[in-house]
Amino acid sequence: MSTKRILGITVFAILFIAVLIGVMLMNSFLRRDNDPLQLPDTTVSAVKPGAVESDTLNRVEVTQDTIQAVVSTLSRPEIYSRDIVITSYWEDGQAEYNISVSVFNGVTSLRTLSSSGIEKRIIATPDTLYIWYRGERTPYTGAIGAWGDGNRTSDELQMLVTYEDVINLDKDGITDAGYTEYGDEACIYAIYDTPGLGYTMKYYISIDLGLIICAEEYDETGAPTYSMTAGECAFEVETLAFTLPDGTELLEMEQ
């Protein structure tokens, strides 16, 4: 076979292989282009507004130095109801108060039943305070600022510490703070020692609700002097809770 013939066959073979490779690459490209693109799953589950999932709790570290700034970002619901139990302790005994709380856009209704059987009703609007006992038809009525020391809030009328109290604590007295769970609630907690008195307060604040759901106070010997626990919070109220003993419905007056 002549050299020229061999060279021609070789060139033809090289061109054939090049064309074949090109066709294979083109088919591969077209097949890949037509296949559905497989993306990683980035679906995020819906979360109740305001709720904090457990894996996000460590994003903002809560310490003695940051607790007050973190708590100041919390907000409470405008409409809710819940039951709380307040217990006051002293050397020879204790008293318990079961309080039904209803809040509607700045108006607070309290029904307090003491362990001695006394039932007291309180309704506090932004301007006016109403107080009466079971069986009474005419409530005491006065301006909020005219009752007590003039600085009472609806929270104080519940004998309740609030997260505003935590914000105003002397930072030097905060001995511990962080995230925890109380019951089924994700909470911020703080432990505070009263300077000079030896009393210790423990606060548990719901991250979701912005409400204190438990508080405890102990004297210098470790004996309890005060406790507060809250039941489940509902985001609805009964109109009857805001009705005076003469039948006046205060929510209608406020709207």
C-alpha atoms as a PDB file:
ATOM      1  CA  MET A   1       0.000   0.000   0.000  1.00  0.00           C
ATOM      2  CA  SER A   2       1.434   3.377  -0.941  1.00  0.00           C
ATOM      3  CA  THR A   3       2.413   5.953   1.613  1.00  0.00           C
ATOM      4  CA  LYS A   4      -0.112   8.438   0.215  1.00  0.00           C
ATOM      5  CA  ARG A   5      -2.961   5.910   0.589  1.00  0.00           C
ATOM      6  CA  ILE A   6      -1.981   5.105   4.182  1.00  0.00           C
ATOM      7  CA  LEU A   7      -1.840   8.830   5.018  1.00  0.00           C
ATOM      8  CA  GLY A   8      -5.329   9.363   3.536  1.00  0.00           C
ATOM      9  CA  ILE A   9      -6.814   6.538   5.576  1.00  0.00           C
ATOM     10  CA  THR A  10      -5.190   7.888   8.747  1.00  0.00           C
ATOM     11  CA  VAL A  11      -6.547  11.405   8.191  1.00  0.00           C
ATOM     12  CA  PHE A  12     -10.043  10.002   7.508  1.00  0.00           C
ATOM     13  CA  ALA A  13      -9.917   7.944  10.731  1.00  0.00           C
ATOM     14  CA  ILE A  14      -8.895  10.969  12.799  1.00  0.00           C
ATOM     15  CA  LEU A  15     -11.712  13.090  11.322  1.00  0.00           C
ATOM     16  CA  PHE A  16     -14.259  10.276  11.901  1.00  0.00           C
ATOM     17  CA  ILE A  17     -13.241   9.963  15.560  1.00  0.00           C
ATOM     18  CA  ALA A  18     -13.417  13.743  16.047  1.00  0.00           C
ATOM     19  CA  VAL A  19     -16.918  13.897  14.545  1.00  0.00           C
ATOM     20  CA  LEU A  20     -18.034  10.945  16.683  1.00  0.00           C
ATOM     21  CA  ILE A  21     -16.766  12.598  19.863  1.00  0.00           C
ATOM     22  CA  GLY A  22     -18.502  15.843  18.882  1.00  0.00           C
ATOM     23  CA  VAL A  23     -21.826  14.043  18.348  1.00  0.00           C
ATOM     24  CA  MET A  24     -21.520  12.318  21.739  1.00  0.00           C
ATOM     25  CA  LEU A  25     -20.805  15.592  23.487  1.00  0.00           C
ATOM     26  CA  MET A  26     -23.737  17.302  21.753  1.00  0.00           C
ATOM     27  CA  ASN A  27     -26.128  14.491  22.755  1.00  0.00           C
ATOM     28  CA  SER A  28     -24.873  14.670  26.323  1.00  0.00           C
ATOM     29  CA  PHE A  29     -25.418  18.435  26.436  1.00  0.00           C
ATOM     30  CA  LEU A  30     -28.934  18.201  24.970  1.00  0.00           C
ATOM     31  CA  ARG A  31     -29.932  15.431  27.352  1.00  0.00           C
ATOM     32  CA  ARG A  32     -28.677  17.383  30.356  1.00  0.00           C
ATOM     33  CA  ASP A  33     -30.444  20.532  29.184  1.00  0.00           C
ATOM     34  CA  ASN A  34     -33.782  18.735  28.879  1.00  0.00           C
ATOM     35  CA  ASP A  35     -33.620  16.973  32.253  1.00  0.00           C
ATOM     36  CA  PRO A  36     -35.265  18.814  35.175  1.00  0.00           C
ATOM     37  CA  LEU A  37     -32.698  20.644  37.256  1.00  0.00           C
ATOM     38  CA  GLN A  38     -32.303  19.086  40.731  1.00  0.00           C
ATOM     39  CA  LEU A  39     -32.043  21.867  43.344  1.00  0.00           C
ATOM     40  CA  PRO A  40     -31.369  21.366  47.051  1.00  0.00           C
ATOM     41  CA  ASP A  41     -34.470  21.458  49.274  1.00  0.00           C
ATOM     42  CA  THR A  42     -34.738  24.964  50.789  1.00  0.00           C
ATOM     43  CA  THR A  43     -38.309  24.738  52.088  1.00  0.00           C
ATOM     44  CA  VAL A  44     -38.762  26.535  55.423  1.00  0.00           C
ATOM     45  CA  SER A  45     -41.557  25.453  57.731  1.00  0.00           C
ATOM     46  CA  ALA A  46     -44.016  28.122  58.735  1.00  0.00           C
ATOM     47  CA  VAL A  47     -43.678  29.314  62.334  1.00  0.00           C
ATOM     48  CA  LYS A  48     -46.309  31.018  64.452  1.00  0.00           C
ATOM     49  CA  PRO A  49     -45.625  34.778  64.396  1.00  0.00           C
ATOM     50  CA  GLY A  50     -43.575  35.760  67.385  1.00  0.00           C
ATOM     51  CA  ALA A  51     -42.537  32.215  68.201  1.00  0.00           C
ATOM     52  CA  VAL A  52     -38.877  31.385  68.597  1.00  0.00           C
ATOM     53  CA  GLU A  53     -37.669  27.974  67.478  1.00  0.00           C
ATOM     54  CA  SER A  54     -35.246  26.189  69.767  1.00  0.00           C
ATOM     55  CA  ASP A  55     -32.365  26.257  67.284  1.00  0.00           C
ATOM     56  CA  THR A  56     -32.457  30.062  67.155  1.00  0.00           C
ATOM     57  CA  LEU A  57     -32.239  30.611  70.910  1.00  0.00           C
ATOM     58  CA  ASN A  58     -28.455  30.855  70.901  1.00  0.00           C
ATOM     59  CA  ARG A  59     -28.266  33.500  68.188  1.00  0.00           C
ATOM     60  CA  VAL A  60     -28.391  36.254  70.804  1.00  0.00           C
ATOM     61  CA  GLU A  61     -26.488  35.395  73.931  1.00  0.00           C
ATOM     62  CA  VAL A  62     -28.293  36.315  77.138  1.00  0.00           C
ATOM     63  CA  THR A  63     -26.030  37.153  80.068  1.00  0.00           C
ATOM     64  CA  GLN A  64     -26.120  39.415  83.103  1.00  0.00           C
ATOM     65  CA  ASP A  65     -24.930  42.210  80.822  1.00  0.00           C
ATOM     66  CA  THR A  66     -27.400  41.688  77.949  1.00  0.00           C
ATOM     67  CA  ILE A  67     -30.574  40.417  79.673  1.00  0.00           C
ATOM     68  CA  GLN A  68     -32.149  43.854  80.059  1.00  0.00           C
ATOM     69  CA  ALA A  69     -31.540  44.828  76.426  1.00  0.00           C
ATOM     70  CA  VAL A  70     -32.968  41.508  75.198  1.00  0.00           C
ATOM     71  CA  VAL A  71     -36.044  41.727  77.438  1.00  0.00           C
ATOM     72  CA  SER A  72     -36.740  45.274  76.245  1.00  0.00           C
ATOM     73  CA  THR A  73     -37.325  43.905  72.724  1.00  0.00           C
ATOM     74  CA  LEU A  74     -40.215  41.670  73.860  1.00  0.00           C
ATOM     75  CA  SER A  75     -43.831  42.724  73.395  1.00  0.00           C
ATOM     76  CA  ARG A  76     -47.031  41.510  75.006  1.00  0.00           C
ATOM     77  CA  PRO A  77     -50.248  40.600  73.176  1.00  0.00           C
ATOM     78  CA  GLU A  78     -52.907  43.310  73.125  1.00  0.00           C
ATOM     79  CA  ILE A  79     -55.749  40.831  73.700  1.00  0.00           C
ATOM     80  CA  TYR A  80     -55.368  37.832  75.994  1.00  0.00           C
ATOM     81  CA  SER A  81     -56.681  36.082  79.062  1.00  0.00           C
ATOM     82  CA  ARG A  82     -55.049  33.757  81.563  1.00  0.00           C
ATOM     83  CA  ASP A  83     -55.194  32.623  85.181  1.00  0.00           C
ATOM     84  CA  ILE A  84     -52.392  33.272  87.628  1.00  0.00           C
ATOM     85  CA  VAL A  85     -51.771  32.122  91.180  1.00  0.00           C
ATOM     86  CA  ILE A  86     -50.020  34.420  93.648  1.00  0.00           C
ATOM     87  CA  THR A  87     -48.798  33.028  96.966  1.00  0.00           C
ATOM     88  CA  SER A  88     -47.427  35.174  99.788  1.00  0.00           C
ATOM     89  CA  TYR A  89     -45.507  33.408 102.554  1.00  0.00           C
ATOM     90  CA  TRP A  90     -44.696  34.504 106.076  1.00  0.00           C
ATOM     91  CA  GLU A  91     -43.301  32.847 109.160  1.00  0.00           C
ATOM     92  CA  ASP A  92     -46.541  31.310 110.413  1.00  0.00           C
ATOM     93  CA  GLY A  93     -48.462  30.694 107.204  1.00  0.00           C
ATOM     94  CA  GLN A  94     -49.322  31.793 103.705  1.00  0.00           C
ATOM     95  CA  ALA A  95     -52.095  33.315 101.603  1.00  0.00           C
ATOM     96  CA  GLU A  96     -53.023  32.323  98.075  1.00  0.00           C
ATOM     97  CA  TYR A  97     -54.778  34.413  95.450  1.00  0.00           C
ATOM     98  CA  ASN A  98     -56.287  32.981  92.271  1.00  0.00           C
ATOM     99  CA  ILE A  99     -56.585  35.741  89.695  1.00  0.00           C
ATOM    100  CA  SER A 100     -58.381  35.585  86.345  1.00  0.00           C
ATOM    101  CA  VAL A 101     -56.847  38.175  84.050  1.00  0.00           C
ATOM    102  CA  SER A 102     -58.368  39.556  80.844  1.00  0.00           C
ATOM    103  CA  VAL A 103     -56.706  42.281  78.772  1.00  0.00           C
ATOM    104  CA  PHE A 104     -58.271  44.053  75.794  1.00  0.00           C
ATOM    105  CA  ASN A 105     -56.354  46.876  74.114  1.00  0.00           C
ATOM    106  CA  GLY A 106     -55.182  48.535  77.310  1.00  0.00           C
ATOM    107  CA  VAL A 107     -58.193  47.697  79.489  1.00  0.00           C
ATOM    108  CA  THR A 108     -57.478  45.114  82.209  1.00  0.00           C
ATOM    109  CA  SER A 109     -60.027  43.079  84.130  1.00  0.00           C
ATOM    110  CA  LEU A 110     -59.111  41.122  87.278  1.00  0.00           C
ATOM    111  CA  ARG A 111     -61.189  38.697  89.291  1.00  0.00           C
ATOM    112  CA  THR A 112     -59.297  37.836  92.495  1.00  0.00           C
ATOM    113  CA  LEU A 113     -60.336  35.073  94.849  1.00  0.00           C
ATOM    114  CA  SER A 114     -58.285  34.814  98.051  1.00  0.00           C
ATOM    115  CA  SER A 115     -57.740  31.635 100.062  1.00  0.00           C
ATOM    116  CA  SER A 116     -59.973  33.217 102.744  1.00  0.00           C
ATOM    117  CA  GLY A 117     -62.879  33.260 100.256  1.00  0.00           C
ATOM    118  CA  ILE A 118     -62.950  37.003  99.495  1.00  0.00           C
ATOM    119  CA  GLU A 119     -63.692  37.820  95.855  1.00  0.00           C
ATOM    120  CA  LYS A 120     -62.597  41.213  94.524  1.00  0.00           C
ATOM    121  CA  ARG A 121     -63.111  42.651  91.043  1.00  0.00           C
ATOM    122  CA  ILE A 122     -60.915  45.289  89.455  1.00  0.00           C
ATOM    123  CA  ILE A 123     -61.190  46.862  86.023  1.00  0.00           C
ATOM    124  CA  ALA A 124     -58.530  49.353  85.016  1.00  0.00           C
ATOM    125  CA  THR A 125     -58.860  51.473  81.900  1.00  0.00           C
ATOM    126  CA  PRO A 126     -56.075  53.854  80.842  1.00  0.00           C
ATOM    127  CA  ASP A 127     -57.797  56.588  82.906  1.00  0.00           C
ATOM    128  CA  THR A 128     -60.207  55.039  85.402  1.00  0.00           C
ATOM    129  CA  LEU A 129     -60.089  52.391  88.100  1.00  0.00           C
ATOM    130  CA  TYR A 130     -63.147  50.388  89.216  1.00  0.00           C
ATOM    131  CA  ILE A 131     -63.081  48.165  92.330  1.00  0.00           C
ATOM    132  CA  TRP A 132     -65.868  46.204  93.974  1.00  0.00           C
ATOM    133  CA  TYR A 133     -66.398  43.045  96.018  1.00  0.00           C
ATOM    134  CA  ARG A 134     -68.779  40.189  95.366  1.00  0.00           C
ATOM    135  CA  GLY A 135     -72.341  41.238  96.108  1.00  0.00           C
ATOM    136  CA  GLU A 136     -71.721  44.967  95.742  1.00  0.00           C
ATOM    137  CA  ARG A 137     -73.721  46.882  93.143  1.00  0.00           C
ATOM    138  CA  THR A 138     -71.755  50.128  93.161  1.00  0.00           C
ATOM    139  CA  PRO A 139     -68.014  50.013  92.502  1.00  0.00           C
ATOM    140  CA  TYR A 140     -65.418  52.389  93.804  1.00  0.00           C
ATOM    141  CA  THR A 141     -64.508  54.654  90.880  1.00  0.00           C
ATOM    142  CA  GLY A 142     -61.476  56.881  90.661  1.00  0.00           C
ATOM    143  CA  ALA A 143     -58.712  58.121  88.434  1.00  0.00           C
ATOM    144  CA  ILE A 144     -55.795  55.725  88.067  1.00  0.00           C
ATOM    145  CA  GLY A 145     -53.384  58.311  89.435  1.00  0.00           C
ATOM    146  CA  ALA A 146     -55.602  58.991  92.468  1.00  0.00           C
ATOM    147  CA  TRP A 147     -55.392  55.436  93.805  1.00  0.00           C
ATOM    148  CA  GLY A 148     -52.554  54.269  96.039  1.00  0.00           C
ATOM    149  CA  ASP A 149     -49.260  55.975  95.320  1.00  0.00           C
ATOM    150  CA  GLY A 150     -50.463  57.239  91.939  1.00  0.00           C
ATOM    151  CA  ASN A 151     -48.038  55.010  90.030  1.00  0.00           C
ATOM    152  CA  ARG A 152     -49.853  51.684  90.224  1.00  0.00           C
ATOM    153  CA  THR A 153     -50.223  49.789  86.982  1.00  0.00           C
ATOM    154  CA  SER A 154     -52.583  46.973  86.129  1.00  0.00           C
ATOM    155  CA  ASP A 155     -49.658  44.599  86.658  1.00  0.00           C
ATOM    156  CA  GLU A 156     -49.102  45.852  90.180  1.00  0.00           C
ATOM    157  CA  LEU A 157     -52.818  45.474  90.883  1.00  0.00           C
ATOM    158  CA  GLN A 158     -52.316  41.792  90.120  1.00  0.00           C
ATOM    159  CA  MET A 159     -49.507  41.673  92.709  1.00  0.00           C
ATOM    160  CA  LEU A 160     -47.434  40.774  89.698  1.00  0.00           C
ATOM    161  CA  VAL A 161     -43.863  41.552  88.780  1.00  0.00           C
ATOM    162  CA  THR A 162     -43.425  42.312  85.085  1.00  0.00           C
ATOM    163  CA  TYR A 163     -40.591  42.303  82.605  1.00  0.00           C
ATOM    164  CA  GLU A 164     -40.341  46.071  83.027  1.00  0.00           C
ATOM    165  CA  ASP A 165     -39.123  45.292  86.548  1.00  0.00           C
ATOM    166  CA  VAL A 166     -36.294  43.264  85.056  1.00  0.00           C
ATOM    167  CA  ILE A 167     -35.341  46.133  82.754  1.00  0.00           C
ATOM    168  CA  ASN A 168     -35.069  48.474  85.752  1.00  0.00           C
ATOM    169  CA  LEU A 169     -33.047  46.146  87.980  1.00  0.00           C
ATOM    170  CA  ASP A 170     -29.637  47.173  89.230  1.00  0.00           C
ATOM    171  CA  LYS A 171     -27.373  45.292  86.826  1.00  0.00           C
ATOM    172  CA  ASP A 172     -24.888  44.580  89.599  1.00  0.00           C
ATOM    173  CA  GLY A 173     -27.546  42.519  91.361  1.00  0.00           C
ATOM    174  CA  ILE A 174     -28.217  40.179  88.414  1.00  0.00           C
ATOM    175  CA  THR A 175     -26.310  36.992  89.246  1.00  0.00           C
ATOM    176  CA  ASP A 176     -27.419  34.772  86.377  1.00  0.00           C
ATOM    177  CA  ALA A 177     -29.418  34.982  83.141  1.00  0.00           C
ATOM    178  CA  GLY A 178     -29.988  32.973  79.989  1.00  0.00           C
ATOM    179  CA  TYR A 179     -32.410  30.836  78.001  1.00  0.00           C
ATOM    180  CA  THR A 180     -34.362  27.936  79.446  1.00  0.00           C
ATOM    181  CA  GLU A 181     -37.717  26.183  79.230  1.00  0.00           C
ATOM    182  CA  TYR A 182     -40.445  26.482  81.831  1.00  0.00           C
ATOM    183  CA  GLY A 183     -43.200  23.981  81.201  1.00  0.00           C
ATOM    184  CA  ASP A 184     -43.674  24.076  77.446  1.00  0.00           C
ATOM    185  CA  GLU A 185     -42.559  27.687  77.081  1.00  0.00           C
ATOM    186  CA  ALA A 186     -39.216  28.891  75.756  1.00  0.00           C
ATOM    187  CA  CYS A 187     -38.154  31.506  78.302  1.00  0.00           C
ATOM    188  CA  ILE A 188     -35.572  34.023  79.284  1.00  0.00           C
ATOM    189  CA  TYR A 189     -34.686  33.740  82.957  1.00  0.00           C
ATOM    190  CA  ALA A 190     -32.953  36.070  85.364  1.00  0.00           C
ATOM    191  CA  ILE A 191     -31.841  35.646  88.970  1.00  0.00           C
ATOM    192  CA  TYR A 192     -31.470  38.802  91.032  1.00  0.00           C
ATOM    193  CA  ASP A 193     -30.106  39.406  94.524  1.00  0.00           C
ATOM    194  CA  THR A 194     -31.465  42.477  96.302  1.00  0.00           C
ATOM    195  CA  PRO A 195     -28.461  44.502  97.489  1.00  0.00           C
ATOM    196  CA  GLY A 196     -28.314  44.813 101.285  1.00  0.00           C
ATOM    197  CA  LEU A 197     -31.443  42.713 101.927  1.00  0.00           C
ATOM    198  CA  GLY A 198     -30.306  39.253 100.935  1.00  0.00           C
ATOM    199  CA  TYR A 199     -33.514  38.517  99.016  1.00  0.00           C
ATOM    200  CA  THR A 200     -33.301  36.546  95.766  1.00  0.00           C
ATOM    201  CA  MET A 201     -35.783  36.871  92.877  1.00  0.00           C
ATOM    202  CA  LYS A 202     -36.134  34.458  89.983  1.00  0.00           C
ATOM    203  CA  TYR A 203     -37.999  35.534  86.824  1.00  0.00           C
ATOM    204  CA  TYR A 204     -39.099  33.378  83.873  1.00  0.00           C
ATOM    205  CA  ILE A 205     -40.311  35.411  80.877  1.00  0.00           C
ATOM    206  CA  SER A 206     -41.998  33.776  77.877  1.00  0.00           C
ATOM    207  CA  ILE A 207     -40.215  34.713  74.666  1.00  0.00           C
ATOM    208  CA  ASP A 208     -43.394  34.170  72.660  1.00  0.00           C
ATOM    209  CA  LEU A 209     -45.743  36.105  74.955  1.00  0.00           C
ATOM    210  CA  GLY A 210     -43.503  38.746  76.500  1.00  0.00           C
ATOM    211  CA  LEU A 211     -45.189  37.903  79.828  1.00  0.00           C
ATOM    212  CA  ILE A 212     -43.690  36.648  83.041  1.00  0.00           C
ATOM    213  CA  ILE A 213     -45.021  33.131  83.528  1.00  0.00           C
ATOM    214  CA  CYS A 214     -43.280  32.404  86.806  1.00  0.00           C
ATOM    215  CA  ALA A 215     -41.592  34.429  89.535  1.00  0.00           C
ATOM    216  CA  GLU A 216     -40.189  33.390  92.899  1.00  0.00           C
ATOM    217  CA  GLU A 217     -38.734  35.296  95.828  1.00  0.00           C
ATOM    218  CA  TYR A 218     -36.675  33.908  98.719  1.00  0.00           C
ATOM    219  CA  ASP A 219     -35.346  35.570 101.851  1.00  0.00           C
ATOM    220  CA  GLU A 220     -31.763  35.446 103.100  1.00  0.00           C
ATOM    221  CA  THR A 221     -32.339  32.009 104.648  1.00  0.00           C
ATOM    222  CA  GLY A 222     -33.698  30.552 101.394  1.00  0.00           C
ATOM    223  CA  ALA A 223     -37.302  30.451 102.649  1.00  0.00           C
ATOM    224  CA  PRO A 224     -39.938  31.445 100.046  1.00  0.00           C
ATOM    225  CA  THR A 225     -41.679  34.791 100.509  1.00  0.00           C
ATOM    226  CA  TYR A 226     -43.538  35.118  97.192  1.00  0.00           C
ATOM    227  CA  SER A 227     -44.393  33.027  94.145  1.00  0.00           C
ATOM    228  CA  MET A 228     -46.353  33.577  90.980  1.00  0.00           C
ATOM    229  CA  THR A 229     -47.293  31.007  88.340  1.00  0.00           C
ATOM    230  CA  ALA A 230     -49.381  31.516  85.215  1.00  0.00           C
ATOM    231  CA  GLY A 231     -51.652  29.117  83.387  1.00  0.00           C
ATOM    232  CA  GLU A 232     -52.114  28.810  79.640  1.00  0.00           C
ATOM    233  CA  CYS A 233     -52.635  32.061  77.761  1.00  0.00           C
ATOM    234  CA  ALA A 234     -55.636  32.405  75.423  1.00  0.00           C
ATOM    235  CA  PHE A 235     -55.862  35.140  72.790  1.00  0.00           C
ATOM    236  CA  GLU A 236     -59.500  35.970  73.419  1.00  0.00           C
ATOM    237  CA  VAL A 237     -61.574  37.528  76.183  1.00  0.00           C
ATOM    238  CA  GLU A 238     -65.158  37.417  77.443  1.00  0.00           C
ATOM    239  CA  THR A 239     -67.118  40.686  77.296  1.00  0.00           C
ATOM    240  CA  LEU A 240     -68.645  39.859  80.684  1.00  0.00           C
ATOM    241  CA  ALA A 241     -65.201  40.281  82.259  1.00  0.00           C
ATOM    242  CA  PHE A 242     -65.393  44.008  81.412  1.00  0.00           C
ATOM    243  CA  THR A 243     -68.923  44.585  82.697  1.00  0.00           C
ATOM    244  CA  LEU A 244     -69.581  46.612  85.851  1.00  0.00           C
ATOM    245  CA  PRO A 245     -72.047  45.271  88.465  1.00  0.00           C
ATOM    246  CA  ASP A 246     -74.740  47.677  87.190  1.00  0.00           C
ATOM    247  CA  GLY A 247     -74.487  46.155  83.694  1.00  0.00           C
ATOM    248  CA  THR A 248     -72.329  48.846  82.069  1.00  0.00           C
ATOM    249  CA  GLU A 249     -70.039  47.304  79.454  1.00  0.00           C
ATOM    250  CA  LEU A 250     -66.737  49.161  79.524  1.00  0.00           C
ATOM    251  CA  LEU A 251     -65.444  47.780  76.218  1.00  0.00           C
ATOM    252  CA  GLU A 252     -68.310  49.494  74.397  1.00  0.00           C
ATOM    253  CA  MET A 253     -67.398  52.755  76.130  1.00  0.00           C
ATOM    254  CA  GLU A 254     -63.754  52.404  75.108  1.00  0.00           C
ATOM    255  CA  GLN A 255     -64.455  51.695  71.432  1.00  0.00           C
END
